[in-house]
Amino acid sequence: MALSKYRTDAAVAANEAETAQNGSPAYWVCLALLLATVALAARIAIFW
């Protein structure tokens, strides 16, 4: 019983950490860099 409670608490903590991480500036910077990389790859593929 204690093990399942520990897993539940860990899942809740991980979910809260993920929610906080999504609002952080570093998350948005990484997302913007990823999108820019995909856009650049698409442009290179078009002209290849």
Protein backbone atom coordinates (compact mmCIF):
# COMPACT_ATOMS: atom_id res chain seq x y z
CA MET A 1 0.00 0.00 0.00
CA ALA A 2 2.81 2.42 0.85
CA LEU A 3 4.53 1.75 -2.45
CA SER A 4 1.46 2.72 -4.48
CA LYS A 5 1.08 5.92 -2.44
CA TYR A 6 4.75 6.72 -3.07
CA ARG A 7 4.25 6.21 -6.81
CA THR A 8 1.17 8.42 -6.77
CA ASP A 9 3.01 11.16 -4.88
CA ALA A 10 5.91 10.91 -7.31
CA ALA A 11 3.54 11.15 -10.28
CA VAL A 12 1.88 14.24 -8.80
CA ALA A 13 5.28 15.84 -8.14
CA ALA A 14 6.45 15.05 -11.67
CA ASN A 15 3.27 16.52 -13.13
CA GLU A 16 3.69 19.71 -11.08
CA ALA A 17 7.33 19.98 -12.15
CA GLU A 18 6.30 19.57 -15.79
CA THR A 19 3.65 22.26 -15.45
CA ALA A 20 6.16 24.66 -13.91
CA GLN A 21 8.70 23.80 -16.57
CA ASN A 22 6.27 24.61 -19.40
CA GLY A 23 5.98 28.17 -18.15
CA SER A 24 9.72 28.76 -17.85
CA PRO A 25 11.55 30.98 -20.35
CA ALA A 26 14.07 28.21 -21.09
CA TYR A 27 11.24 25.97 -22.30
CA TRP A 28 10.08 28.60 -24.80
CA VAL A 29 13.64 29.32 -25.97
CA CYS A 30 14.25 25.62 -26.61
CA LEU A 31 10.92 25.31 -28.40
CA ALA A 32 11.72 28.33 -30.59
CA LEU A 33 15.16 26.88 -31.44
CA LEU A 34 13.57 23.55 -32.33
CA LEU A 35 11.04 25.22 -34.61
CA ALA A 36 13.76 27.35 -36.24
CA THR A 37 15.83 24.21 -36.87
CA VAL A 38 12.87 22.46 -38.48
CA ALA A 39 12.13 25.51 -40.64
CA LEU A 40 15.77 25.72 -41.74
CA ALA A 41 15.82 22.01 -42.55
CA ALA A 42 12.66 22.43 -44.63
CA ARG A 43 14.19 25.36 -46.57
CA ILE A 44 17.36 23.36 -47.25
CA ALA A 45 15.29 20.39 -48.38
CA ILE A 46 13.31 22.55 -50.81
CA PHE A 47 16.44 23.94 -52.48
CA TRP A 48 18.39 20.67 -52.41
